[in-house]
């Protein structure tokens, strides 16, 4: 399947079963994963390049900074707010699930719903993005997914994929978006794929061709950043990062994943991403 989509014939593709059952669960300390993936703690873990939260709800208490805030105060805080906002549950948002975007009146009902359901959640400003990222689909925040692997403390970038919305506000392929792989210098591949591995040589909505060899802006800065940040996560050797960058080159880490990191769209887009690490993988064959 991977060969047919990527066009790269190889015996070094890693099956999903091996990736999740032999590798990820052994190199990542799952006992810490709920904390590491909790969006309300992201700024405390990474310290820099995170997206500030306007509201952070934890254990049934809503905070604005260090101040406890109630529903009436939230109404007052956002009544004249013109920016689009993002509300998302702090855990369990895979595939764009439980992520809503809009002005305050659009997301107000979700604040009440998530709070009454006992969910932890955050509210953030919607980020601006570099024009070279935005041009493919202007209604979504289009992000770069980078997969890093730490081997004996040395962090390597395995694969990078650019994820774009397709008319909606979410870039995730499970929500209708598409993904496209790239070279180790950030140059986009000739084709993108959707959730069902259908191939596209131009964006289905904007009709921008993928044959122009566009390059992700500030790619090497993103690479350097995730390698640096991964070195701080010493209990997890396999990490997936979601990033974006604005016109000034400021990189924001939207989230990172240490459970169900995803392997399919990396290998379908970029070929056998573990080809140079087979000796390392042999450690986990039993």
Foldseek 3Di string as FASTA:
>chain_A
DLCVQAVDDDPQADDPCCCAVQPLPVLFDVVCQVVQQQQLCVCVQQVDQAFDFCWWDDQLFIDRVNHTDDPVVVCVVQVPPDFKKWKAFRDDCPLNPRIDIGRCVRCVVVVVVCSVVRTTMTMGTDDAFACVLCLLPVLEQKKKKWKWFADPLQIDTLFIKIFQAQHHHYRGLSVPIWIFTADPQAFTDQWIAHPVSDIDQARPHSRHGSPPRDGAPPVVVVVVSVRVSVSSVNSAGIKMWIWGAHNVGRIHTHGMHSHCNDDVRRSSRPNNSCPVPVVVSVVRPD
